[in-house]
Amino acid sequence: VPQYIDGHDLGDSAKAGSKVLIVTEHVKHLDTSTFQDHMSQNKEGVVWGLYGIANAIQFINEDCKLIHGNVHRGSIFVSKCGDWKLGGFELCGEANDKNSVFRR
């Protein structure tokens, strides 16, 4: 699940033919059983996870001017350390697109 790296500027290195590495981590869907495990063990973790997803949506909407359009339990992933990540960008579109499926 890609994550925006705040403040990372490739600058001239991207133009000079330098390599850009993409680092990933193992995550799993926030399915019903995972959610129930989180709720029973760590309610603060669930609140923190929802806060992270809300911040991701805010960034997508306000800074990127996009609409995610597909937020549901299957588009949320949990890392081994318990961080919640937003995925499922299949329906993502521009917020100002008048022909968007979200504006019809």
PDB file of N, CA and C in Angstrom:
ATOM      1  N   VAL A   1       0.854  -1.162   0.000  1.00  0.00           N
ATOM      2  CA  VAL A   1       0.000   0.000   0.000  1.00  0.00           C
ATOM      3  C   VAL A   1       0.901   1.227   0.000  1.00  0.00           C
ATOM      4  N   PRO A   2       0.857   2.021  -1.050  1.00  0.00           N
ATOM      5  CA  PRO A   2       1.718   3.199  -1.106  1.00  0.00           C
ATOM      6  C   PRO A   2       1.361   4.202  -0.018  1.00  0.00           C
ATOM      7  N   GLN A   3       2.372   4.838   0.505  1.00  0.00           N
ATOM      8  CA  GLN A   3       2.153   5.879   1.503  1.00  0.00           C
ATOM      9  C   GLN A   3       2.940   7.109   1.086  1.00  0.00           C
ATOM     10  N   TYR A   4       2.317   8.251   1.176  1.00  0.00           N
ATOM     11  CA  TYR A   4       2.968   9.515   0.853  1.00  0.00           C
ATOM     12  C   TYR A   4       4.062   9.775   1.869  1.00  0.00           C
ATOM     13  N   ILE A   5       5.259  10.104   1.400  1.00  0.00           N
ATOM     14  CA  ILE A   5       6.365  10.428   2.290  1.00  0.00           C
ATOM     15  C   ILE A   5       6.440  11.943   2.377  1.00  0.00           C
ATOM     16  N   ASP A   6       6.024  12.469   3.496  1.00  0.00           N
ATOM     17  CA  ASP A   6       5.900  13.910   3.679  1.00  0.00           C
ATOM     18  C   ASP A   6       7.246  14.608   3.531  1.00  0.00           C
ATOM     19  N   GLY A   7       7.279  15.597   2.650  1.00  0.00           N
ATOM     20  CA  GLY A   7       8.449  16.442   2.529  1.00  0.00           C
ATOM     21  C   GLY A   7       9.612  15.854   1.763  1.00  0.00           C
ATOM     22  N   HIS A   8       9.475  14.695   1.175  1.00  0.00           N
ATOM     23  CA  HIS A   8      10.580  14.088   0.436  1.00  0.00           C
ATOM     24  C   HIS A   8      10.609  14.655  -0.976  1.00  0.00           C
ATOM     25  N   ASP A   9      11.679  15.350  -1.302  1.00  0.00           N
ATOM     26  CA  ASP A   9      11.811  15.976  -2.616  1.00  0.00           C
ATOM     27  C   ASP A   9      12.957  15.309  -3.361  1.00  0.00           C
ATOM     28  N   LEU A  10      12.666  14.756  -4.519  1.00  0.00           N
ATOM     29  CA  LEU A  10      13.703  14.107  -5.308  1.00  0.00           C
ATOM     30  C   LEU A  10      14.613  15.119  -5.987  1.00  0.00           C
ATOM     31  N   GLY A  11      14.109  16.318  -6.203  1.00  0.00           N
ATOM     32  CA  GLY A  11      14.918  17.379  -6.784  1.00  0.00           C
ATOM     33  C   GLY A  11      15.576  16.979  -8.088  1.00  0.00           C
ATOM     34  N   ASP A  12      16.840  17.367  -8.251  1.00  0.00           N
ATOM     35  CA  ASP A  12      17.574  17.094  -9.486  1.00  0.00           C
ATOM     36  C   ASP A  12      18.011  15.643  -9.609  1.00  0.00           C
ATOM     37  N   SER A  13      18.008  14.899  -8.508  1.00  0.00           N
ATOM     38  CA  SER A  13      18.464  13.507  -8.584  1.00  0.00           C
ATOM     39  C   SER A  13      17.584  12.671  -9.495  1.00  0.00           C
ATOM     40  N   ALA A  14      16.291  12.972  -9.556  1.00  0.00           N
ATOM     41  CA  ALA A  14      15.391  12.226 -10.435  1.00  0.00           C
ATOM     42  C   ALA A  14      15.708  12.513 -11.898  1.00  0.00           C
ATOM     43  N   LYS A  15      16.162  13.719 -12.181  1.00  0.00           N
ATOM     44  CA  LYS A  15      16.492  14.094 -13.552  1.00  0.00           C
ATOM     45  C   LYS A  15      17.838  13.528 -13.988  1.00  0.00           C
ATOM     46  N   ALA A  16      18.721  13.267 -13.048  1.00  0.00           N
ATOM     47  CA  ALA A  16      20.073  12.816 -13.365  1.00  0.00           C
ATOM     48  C   ALA A  16      20.160  11.312 -13.576  1.00  0.00           C
ATOM     49  N   GLY A  17      19.035  10.630 -13.573  1.00  0.00           N
ATOM     50  CA  GLY A  17      19.040   9.187 -13.803  1.00  0.00           C
ATOM     51  C   GLY A  17      19.287   8.360 -12.562  1.00  0.00           C
ATOM     52  N   SER A  18      19.183   8.957 -11.404  1.00  0.00           N
ATOM     53  CA  SER A  18      19.353   8.208 -10.166  1.00  0.00           C
ATOM     54  C   SER A  18      18.209   7.227  -9.987  1.00  0.00           C
ATOM     55  N   LYS A  19      18.445   6.228  -9.177  1.00  0.00           N
ATOM     56  CA  LYS A  19      17.410   5.235  -8.908  1.00  0.00           C
ATOM     57  C   LYS A  19      16.466   5.735  -7.819  1.00  0.00           C
ATOM     58  N   VAL A  20      15.222   5.365  -7.951  1.00  0.00           N
ATOM     59  CA  VAL A  20      14.230   5.625  -6.918  1.00  0.00           C
ATOM     60  C   VAL A  20      13.752   4.269  -6.429  1.00  0.00           C
ATOM     61  N   LEU A  21      13.886   4.026  -5.145  1.00  0.00           N
ATOM     62  CA  LEU A  21      13.476   2.754  -4.569  1.00  0.00           C
ATOM     63  C   LEU A  21      12.090   2.888  -3.955  1.00  0.00           C
ATOM     64  N   ILE A  22      11.274   1.885  -4.167  1.00  0.00           N
ATOM     65  CA  ILE A  22       9.949   1.833  -3.560  1.00  0.00           C
ATOM     66  C   ILE A  22       9.980   0.732  -2.515  1.00  0.00           C
ATOM     67  N   VAL A  23       9.696   1.101  -1.283  1.00  0.00           N
ATOM     68  CA  VAL A  23       9.742   0.162  -0.170  1.00  0.00           C
ATOM     69  C   VAL A  23       8.318  -0.171   0.240  1.00  0.00           C
ATOM     70  N   THR A  24       8.035  -1.440   0.419  1.00  0.00           N
ATOM     71  CA  THR A  24       6.701  -1.872   0.834  1.00  0.00           C
ATOM     72  C   THR A  24       6.790  -2.639   2.145  1.00  0.00           C
ATOM     73  N   GLU A  25       5.662  -2.884   2.740  1.00  0.00           N
ATOM     74  CA  GLU A  25       5.610  -3.682   3.958  1.00  0.00           C
ATOM     75  C   GLU A  25       4.432  -4.639   3.875  1.00  0.00           C
ATOM     76  N   HIS A  26       4.498  -5.702   4.646  1.00  0.00           N
ATOM     77  CA  HIS A  26       3.420  -6.684   4.667  1.00  0.00           C
ATOM     78  C   HIS A  26       2.238  -6.105   5.442  1.00  0.00           C
ATOM     79  N   VAL A  27       1.067  -6.148   4.826  1.00  0.00           N
ATOM     80  CA  VAL A  27      -0.160  -5.674   5.463  1.00  0.00           C
ATOM     81  C   VAL A  27      -1.268  -6.684   5.205  1.00  0.00           C
ATOM     82  N   LYS A  28      -2.340  -6.589   5.978  1.00  0.00           N
ATOM     83  CA  LYS A  28      -3.518  -7.426   5.730  1.00  0.00           C
ATOM     84  C   LYS A  28      -4.764  -6.559   5.791  1.00  0.00           C
ATOM     85  N   HIS A  29      -5.826  -7.030   5.117  1.00  0.00           N
ATOM     86  CA  HIS A  29      -7.095  -6.292   5.105  1.00  0.00           C
ATOM     87  C   HIS A  29      -7.671  -6.186   6.509  1.00  0.00           C
ATOM     88  N   LEU A  30      -8.332  -5.096   6.741  1.00  0.00           N
ATOM     89  CA  LEU A  30      -9.052  -4.929   8.000  1.00  0.00           C
ATOM     90  C   LEU A  30     -10.399  -5.627   7.844  1.00  0.00           C
ATOM     91  N   ASP A  31     -10.367  -6.943   7.896  1.00  0.00           N
ATOM     92  CA  ASP A  31     -11.607  -7.704   7.755  1.00  0.00           C
ATOM     93  C   ASP A  31     -12.296  -7.814   9.108  1.00  0.00           C
ATOM     94  N   THR A  32     -13.413  -8.463   9.145  1.00  0.00           N
ATOM     95  CA  THR A  32     -14.210  -8.535  10.367  1.00  0.00           C
ATOM     96  C   THR A  32     -13.442  -9.140  11.532  1.00  0.00           C
ATOM     97  N   SER A  33     -12.739 -10.242  11.308  1.00  0.00           N
ATOM     98  CA  SER A  33     -12.024 -10.890  12.407  1.00  0.00           C
ATOM     99  C   SER A  33     -10.895 -10.010  12.920  1.00  0.00           C
ATOM    100  N   THR A  34     -10.173  -9.350  12.017  1.00  0.00           N
ATOM    101  CA  THR A  34      -9.105  -8.454  12.439  1.00  0.00           C
ATOM    102  C   THR A  34      -9.676  -7.298  13.238  1.00  0.00           C
ATOM    103  N   PHE A  35     -10.773  -6.733  12.768  1.00  0.00           N
ATOM    104  CA  PHE A  35     -11.403  -5.619  13.466  1.00  0.00           C
ATOM    105  C   PHE A  35     -11.861  -6.052  14.851  1.00  0.00           C
ATOM    106  N   GLN A  36     -12.461  -7.220  14.952  1.00  0.00           N
ATOM    107  CA  GLN A  36     -12.919  -7.716  16.249  1.00  0.00           C
ATOM    108  C   GLN A  36     -11.741  -7.935  17.189  1.00  0.00           C
ATOM    109  N   ASP A  37     -10.615  -8.450  16.660  1.00  0.00           N
ATOM    110  CA  ASP A  37      -9.417  -8.624  17.486  1.00  0.00           C
ATOM    111  C   ASP A  37      -8.932  -7.280  18.021  1.00  0.00           C
ATOM    112  N   HIS A  38      -8.898  -6.272  17.155  1.00  0.00           N
ATOM    113  CA  HIS A  38      -8.470  -4.940  17.581  1.00  0.00           C
ATOM    114  C   HIS A  38      -9.412  -4.381  18.640  1.00  0.00           C
ATOM    115  N   MET A  39     -10.709  -4.517  18.433  1.00  0.00           N
ATOM    116  CA  MET A  39     -11.685  -3.972  19.374  1.00  0.00           C
ATOM    117  C   MET A  39     -11.554  -4.616  20.743  1.00  0.00           C
ATOM    118  N   SER A  40     -11.378  -5.922  20.769  1.00  0.00           N
ATOM    119  CA  SER A  40     -11.330  -6.608  22.054  1.00  0.00           C
ATOM    120  C   SER A  40     -10.014  -6.367  22.788  1.00  0.00           C
ATOM    121  N   GLN A  41      -8.935  -6.125  22.048  1.00  0.00           N
ATOM    122  CA  GLN A  41      -7.629  -5.986  22.682  1.00  0.00           C
ATOM    123  C   GLN A  41      -7.221  -4.539  22.928  1.00  0.00           C
ATOM    124  N   ASN A  42      -7.619  -3.642  22.041  1.00  0.00           N
ATOM    125  CA  ASN A  42      -7.050  -2.307  22.109  1.00  0.00           C
ATOM    126  C   ASN A  42      -7.987  -1.284  21.472  1.00  0.00           C
ATOM    127  N   LYS A  43      -8.931  -0.779  22.240  1.00  0.00           N
ATOM    128  CA  LYS A  43      -9.871   0.210  21.699  1.00  0.00           C
ATOM    129  C   LYS A  43      -9.156   1.495  21.297  1.00  0.00           C
ATOM    130  N   GLU A  44      -8.103   1.866  22.033  1.00  0.00           N
ATOM    131  CA  GLU A  44      -7.344   3.061  21.675  1.00  0.00           C
ATOM    132  C   GLU A  44      -6.673   2.883  20.318  1.00  0.00           C
ATOM    133  N   GLY A  45      -6.250   1.653  20.008  1.00  0.00           N
ATOM    134  CA  GLY A  45      -5.644   1.372  18.712  1.00  0.00           C
ATOM    135  C   GLY A  45      -6.624   1.554  17.569  1.00  0.00           C
ATOM    136  N   VAL A  46      -7.874   1.192  17.803  1.00  0.00           N
ATOM    137  CA  VAL A  46      -8.911   1.380  16.783  1.00  0.00           C
ATOM    138  C   VAL A  46      -9.161   2.865  16.575  1.00  0.00           C
ATOM    139  N   VAL A  47      -9.248   3.611  17.662  1.00  0.00           N
ATOM    140  CA  VAL A  47      -9.458   5.057  17.554  1.00  0.00           C
ATOM    141  C   VAL A  47      -8.289   5.690  16.802  1.00  0.00           C
ATOM    142  N   TRP A  48      -7.066   5.281  17.134  1.00  0.00           N
ATOM    143  CA  TRP A  48      -5.886   5.821  16.459  1.00  0.00           C
ATOM    144  C   TRP A  48      -5.882   5.426  14.973  1.00  0.00           C
ATOM    145  N   GLY A  49      -6.301   4.205  14.672  1.00  0.00           N
ATOM    146  CA  GLY A  49      -6.385   3.764  13.282  1.00  0.00           C
ATOM    147  C   GLY A  49      -7.392   4.571  12.489  1.00  0.00           C
ATOM    148  N   LEU A  50      -8.567   4.795  13.062  1.00  0.00           N
ATOM    149  CA  LEU A  50      -9.585   5.614  12.396  1.00  0.00           C
ATOM    150  C   LEU A  50      -9.104   7.050  12.211  1.00  0.00           C
ATOM    151  N   TYR A  51      -8.370   7.549  13.185  1.00  0.00           N
ATOM    152  CA  TYR A  51      -7.797   8.892  13.077  1.00  0.00           C
ATOM    153  C   TYR A  51      -6.820   8.959  11.896  1.00  0.00           C
ATOM    154  N   GLY A  52      -5.993   7.927  11.746  1.00  0.00           N
ATOM    155  CA  GLY A  52      -5.053   7.878  10.629  1.00  0.00           C
ATOM    156  C   GLY A  52      -5.751   7.825   9.284  1.00  0.00           C
ATOM    157  N   ILE A  53      -6.824   7.044   9.190  1.00  0.00           N
ATOM    158  CA  ILE A  53      -7.590   6.960   7.942  1.00  0.00           C
ATOM    159  C   ILE A  53      -8.256   8.303   7.646  1.00  0.00           C
ATOM    160  N   ALA A  54      -8.791   8.948   8.682  1.00  0.00           N
ATOM    161  CA  ALA A  54      -9.408  10.271   8.492  1.00  0.00           C
ATOM    162  C   ALA A  54      -8.381  11.281   7.994  1.00  0.00           C
ATOM    163  N   ASN A  55      -7.167  11.230   8.531  1.00  0.00           N
ATOM    164  CA  ASN A  55      -6.108  12.127   8.066  1.00  0.00           C
ATOM    165  C   ASN A  55      -5.720  11.838   6.624  1.00  0.00           C
ATOM    166  N   ALA A  56      -5.684  10.565   6.253  1.00  0.00           N
ATOM    167  CA  ALA A  56      -5.367  10.200   4.870  1.00  0.00           C
ATOM    168  C   ALA A  56      -6.430  10.740   3.916  1.00  0.00           C
ATOM    169  N   ILE A  57      -7.693  10.597   4.290  1.00  0.00           N
ATOM    170  CA  ILE A  57      -8.786  11.104   3.449  1.00  0.00           C
ATOM    171  C   ILE A  57      -8.725  12.626   3.358  1.00  0.00           C
ATOM    172  N   GLN A  58      -8.431  13.274   4.471  1.00  0.00           N
ATOM    173  CA  GLN A  58      -8.304  14.731   4.459  1.00  0.00           C
ATOM    174  C   GLN A  58      -7.179  15.162   3.520  1.00  0.00           C
ATOM    175  N   PHE A  59      -6.046  14.482   3.572  1.00  0.00           N
ATOM    176  CA  PHE A  59      -4.925  14.803   2.683  1.00  0.00           C
ATOM    177  C   PHE A  59      -5.325  14.618   1.221  1.00  0.00           C
ATOM    178  N   ILE A  60      -5.979  13.507   0.918  1.00  0.00           N
ATOM    179  CA  ILE A  60      -6.400  13.225  -0.459  1.00  0.00           C
ATOM    180  C   ILE A  60      -7.372  14.295  -0.951  1.00  0.00           C
ATOM    181  N   ASN A  61      -8.341  14.654  -0.108  1.00  0.00           N
ATOM    182  CA  ASN A  61      -9.360  15.637  -0.506  1.00  0.00           C
ATOM    183  C   ASN A  61      -8.808  17.052  -0.603  1.00  0.00           C
ATOM    184  N   GLU A  62      -8.141  17.506   0.436  1.00  0.00           N
ATOM    185  CA  GLU A  62      -7.747  18.913   0.515  1.00  0.00           C
ATOM    186  C   GLU A  62      -6.447  19.222  -0.219  1.00  0.00           C
ATOM    187  N   ASP A  63      -5.425  18.416  -0.025  1.00  0.00           N
ATOM    188  CA  ASP A  63      -4.124  18.706  -0.628  1.00  0.00           C
ATOM    189  C   ASP A  63      -4.028  18.222  -2.070  1.00  0.00           C
ATOM    190  N   CYS A  64      -4.559  17.039  -2.337  1.00  0.00           N
ATOM    191  CA  CYS A  64      -4.458  16.460  -3.684  1.00  0.00           C
ATOM    192  C   CYS A  64      -5.653  16.792  -4.565  1.00  0.00           C
ATOM    193  N   LYS A  65      -6.717  17.307  -3.955  1.00  0.00           N
ATOM    194  CA  LYS A  65      -7.953  17.646  -4.690  1.00  0.00           C
ATOM    195  C   LYS A  65      -8.524  16.421  -5.401  1.00  0.00           C
ATOM    196  N   LEU A  66      -8.535  15.298  -4.690  1.00  0.00           N
ATOM    197  CA  LEU A  66      -9.065  14.043  -5.214  1.00  0.00           C
ATOM    198  C   LEU A  66     -10.172  13.531  -4.308  1.00  0.00           C
ATOM    199  N   ILE A  67     -10.994  12.660  -4.859  1.00  0.00           N
ATOM    200  CA  ILE A  67     -12.013  11.945  -4.092  1.00  0.00           C
ATOM    201  C   ILE A  67     -11.639  10.473  -4.137  1.00  0.00           C
ATOM    202  N   HIS A  68     -11.527   9.846  -2.974  1.00  0.00           N
ATOM    203  CA  HIS A  68     -11.147   8.431  -2.912  1.00  0.00           C
ATOM    204  C   HIS A  68     -12.230   7.565  -3.532  1.00  0.00           C
ATOM    205  N   GLY A  69     -13.450   7.701  -3.050  1.00  0.00           N
ATOM    206  CA  GLY A  69     -14.601   7.033  -3.637  1.00  0.00           C
ATOM    207  C   GLY A  69     -14.747   5.555  -3.352  1.00  0.00           C
ATOM    208  N   ASN A  70     -13.914   4.998  -2.475  1.00  0.00           N
ATOM    209  CA  ASN A  70     -13.971   3.553  -2.265  1.00  0.00           C
ATOM    210  C   ASN A  70     -13.554   3.178  -0.843  1.00  0.00           C
ATOM    211  N   VAL A  71     -13.884   4.016   0.134  1.00  0.00           N
ATOM    212  CA  VAL A  71     -13.482   3.733   1.509  1.00  0.00           C
ATOM    213  C   VAL A  71     -14.450   2.727   2.113  1.00  0.00           C
ATOM    214  N   HIS A  72     -13.921   1.577   2.469  1.00  0.00           N
ATOM    215  CA  HIS A  72     -14.676   0.530   3.158  1.00  0.00           C
ATOM    216  C   HIS A  72     -13.671  -0.372   3.865  1.00  0.00           C
ATOM    217  N   ARG A  73     -14.142  -1.323   4.609  1.00  0.00           N
ATOM    218  CA  ARG A  73     -13.260  -2.187   5.392  1.00  0.00           C
ATOM    219  C   ARG A  73     -12.222  -2.895   4.528  1.00  0.00           C
ATOM    220  N   GLY A  74     -12.579  -3.226   3.295  1.00  0.00           N
ATOM    221  CA  GLY A  74     -11.645  -3.901   2.403  1.00  0.00           C
ATOM    222  C   GLY A  74     -10.582  -2.997   1.815  1.00  0.00           C
ATOM    223  N   SER A  75     -10.743  -1.686   1.948  1.00  0.00           N
ATOM    224  CA  SER A  75      -9.732  -0.763   1.429  1.00  0.00           C
ATOM    225  C   SER A  75      -8.828  -0.229   2.537  1.00  0.00           C
ATOM    226  N   ILE A  76      -8.993  -0.775   3.730  1.00  0.00           N
ATOM    227  CA  ILE A  76      -8.137  -0.407   4.856  1.00  0.00           C
ATOM    228  C   ILE A  76      -7.264  -1.609   5.186  1.00  0.00           C
ATOM    229  N   PHE A  77      -5.984  -1.344   5.361  1.00  0.00           N
ATOM    230  CA  PHE A  77      -5.012  -2.394   5.629  1.00  0.00           C
ATOM    231  C   PHE A  77      -4.337  -2.120   6.960  1.00  0.00           C
ATOM    232  N   VAL A  78      -3.893  -3.196   7.622  1.00  0.00           N
ATOM    233  CA  VAL A  78      -3.222  -3.068   8.910  1.00  0.00           C
ATOM    234  C   VAL A  78      -1.833  -3.684   8.791  1.00  0.00           C
ATOM    235  N   SER A  79      -0.816  -2.926   9.221  1.00  0.00           N
ATOM    236  CA  SER A  79       0.555  -3.435   9.193  1.00  0.00           C
ATOM    237  C   SER A  79       0.802  -4.305  10.422  1.00  0.00           C
ATOM    238  N   LYS A  80       1.948  -4.958  10.446  1.00  0.00           N
ATOM    239  CA  LYS A  80       2.291  -5.818  11.581  1.00  0.00           C
ATOM    240  C   LYS A  80       2.366  -5.037  12.886  1.00  0.00           C
ATOM    241  N   CYS A  81       2.751  -3.767  12.800  1.00  0.00           N
ATOM    242  CA  CYS A  81       2.849  -2.966  14.025  1.00  0.00           C
ATOM    243  C   CYS A  81       1.532  -2.281  14.384  1.00  0.00           C
ATOM    244  N   GLY A  82       0.463  -2.556  13.613  1.00  0.00           N
ATOM    245  CA  GLY A  82      -0.856  -2.033  13.949  1.00  0.00           C
ATOM    246  C   GLY A  82      -1.234  -0.734  13.271  1.00  0.00           C
ATOM    247  N   ASP A  83      -0.378  -0.216  12.395  1.00  0.00           N
ATOM    248  CA  ASP A  83      -0.715   1.009  11.664  1.00  0.00           C
ATOM    249  C   ASP A  83      -1.769   0.713  10.612  1.00  0.00           C
ATOM    250  N   TRP A  84      -2.745   1.595  10.483  1.00  0.00           N
ATOM    251  CA  TRP A  84      -3.799   1.455   9.483  1.00  0.00           C
ATOM    252  C   TRP A  84      -3.416   2.251   8.250  1.00  0.00           C
ATOM    253  N   LYS A  85      -3.562   1.648   7.086  1.00  0.00           N
ATOM    254  CA  LYS A  85      -3.200   2.261   5.803  1.00  0.00           C
ATOM    255  C   LYS A  85      -4.422   2.263   4.895  1.00  0.00           C
ATOM    256  N   LEU A  86      -4.545   3.300   4.087  1.00  0.00           N
ATOM    257  CA  LEU A  86      -5.657   3.408   3.153  1.00  0.00           C
ATOM    258  C   LEU A  86      -5.213   2.955   1.774  1.00  0.00           C
ATOM    259  N   GLY A  87      -5.957   2.048   1.185  1.00  0.00           N
ATOM    260  CA  GLY A  87      -5.705   1.567  -0.170  1.00  0.00           C
ATOM    261  C   GLY A  87      -6.988   1.655  -0.968  1.00  0.00           C
ATOM    262  N   GLY A  88      -7.115   0.821  -1.988  1.00  0.00           N
ATOM    263  CA  GLY A  88      -8.349   0.769  -2.767  1.00  0.00           C
ATOM    264  C   GLY A  88      -8.631   2.025  -3.556  1.00  0.00           C
ATOM    265  N   PHE A  89      -7.645   2.507  -4.291  1.00  0.00           N
ATOM    266  CA  PHE A  89      -7.792   3.755  -5.039  1.00  0.00           C
ATOM    267  C   PHE A  89      -8.349   3.545  -6.443  1.00  0.00           C
ATOM    268  N   GLU A  90      -9.029   2.427  -6.677  1.00  0.00           N
ATOM    269  CA  GLU A  90      -9.537   2.114  -8.012  1.00  0.00           C
ATOM    270  C   GLU A  90     -10.526   3.151  -8.535  1.00  0.00           C
ATOM    271  N   LEU A  91     -11.299   3.756  -7.658  1.00  0.00           N
ATOM    272  CA  LEU A  91     -12.317   4.726  -8.070  1.00  0.00           C
ATOM    273  C   LEU A  91     -11.893   6.171  -7.834  1.00  0.00           C
ATOM    274  N   CYS A  92     -10.644   6.379  -7.474  1.00  0.00           N
ATOM    275  CA  CYS A  92     -10.156   7.719  -7.166  1.00  0.00           C
ATOM    276  C   CYS A  92     -10.279   8.627  -8.386  1.00  0.00           C
ATOM    277  N   GLY A  93     -10.736   9.847  -8.154  1.00  0.00           N
ATOM    278  CA  GLY A  93     -10.887  10.804  -9.246  1.00  0.00           C
ATOM    279  C   GLY A  93     -10.712  12.225  -8.768  1.00  0.00           C
ATOM    280  N   GLU A  94     -10.611  13.126  -9.711  1.00  0.00           N
ATOM    281  CA  GLU A  94     -10.433  14.540  -9.388  1.00  0.00           C
ATOM    282  C   GLU A  94     -11.699  15.104  -8.746  1.00  0.00           C
ATOM    283  N   ALA A  95     -11.507  15.894  -7.711  1.00  0.00           N
ATOM    284  CA  ALA A  95     -12.646  16.461  -6.981  1.00  0.00           C
ATOM    285  C   ALA A  95     -13.436  17.445  -7.830  1.00  0.00           C
ATOM    286  N   ASN A  96     -12.781  18.109  -8.754  1.00  0.00           N
ATOM    287  CA  ASN A  96     -13.448  19.137  -9.567  1.00  0.00           C
ATOM    288  C   ASN A  96     -13.969  18.612 -10.895  1.00  0.00           C
ATOM    289  N   ASP A  97     -13.874  17.324 -11.130  1.00  0.00           N
ATOM    290  CA  ASP A  97     -14.327  16.738 -12.396  1.00  0.00           C
ATOM    291  C   ASP A  97     -15.852  16.692 -12.417  1.00  0.00           C
ATOM    292  N   LYS A  98     -16.463  17.490 -13.276  1.00  0.00           N
ATOM    293  CA  LYS A  98     -17.925  17.560 -13.342  1.00  0.00           C
ATOM    294  C   LYS A  98     -18.542  16.295 -13.920  1.00  0.00           C
ATOM    295  N   ASN A  99     -17.760  15.493 -14.625  1.00  0.00           N
ATOM    296  CA  ASN A  99     -18.260  14.243 -15.202  1.00  0.00           C
ATOM    297  C   ASN A  99     -17.977  13.043 -14.315  1.00  0.00           C
ATOM    298  N   SER A 100     -17.471  13.298 -13.129  1.00  0.00           N
ATOM    299  CA  SER A 100     -17.143  12.222 -12.206  1.00  0.00           C
ATOM    300  C   SER A 100     -18.395  11.441 -11.812  1.00  0.00           C
ATOM    301  N   VAL A 101     -18.215  10.167 -11.552  1.00  0.00           N
ATOM    302  CA  VAL A 101     -19.326   9.329 -11.108  1.00  0.00           C
ATOM    303  C   VAL A 101     -19.900   9.839  -9.785  1.00  0.00           C
ATOM    304  N   PHE A 102     -19.106  10.573  -9.019  1.00  0.00           N
ATOM    305  CA  PHE A 102     -19.555  11.094  -7.730  1.00  0.00           C
ATOM    306  C   PHE A 102     -20.410  12.349  -7.867  1.00  0.00           C
ATOM    307  N   ARG A 103     -20.442  12.941  -9.044  1.00  0.00           N
ATOM    308  CA  ARG A 103     -21.202  14.171  -9.268  1.00  0.00           C
ATOM    309  C   ARG A 103     -22.488  13.927 -10.043  1.00  0.00           C
ATOM    310  N   ARG A 104     -22.740  12.720 -10.464  1.00  0.00           N
ATOM    311  CA  ARG A 104     -23.927  12.423 -11.276  1.00  0.00           C
ATOM    312  C   ARG A 104     -25.153  12.284 -10.427  1.00  0.00           C
TER     313      ARG A 104
END
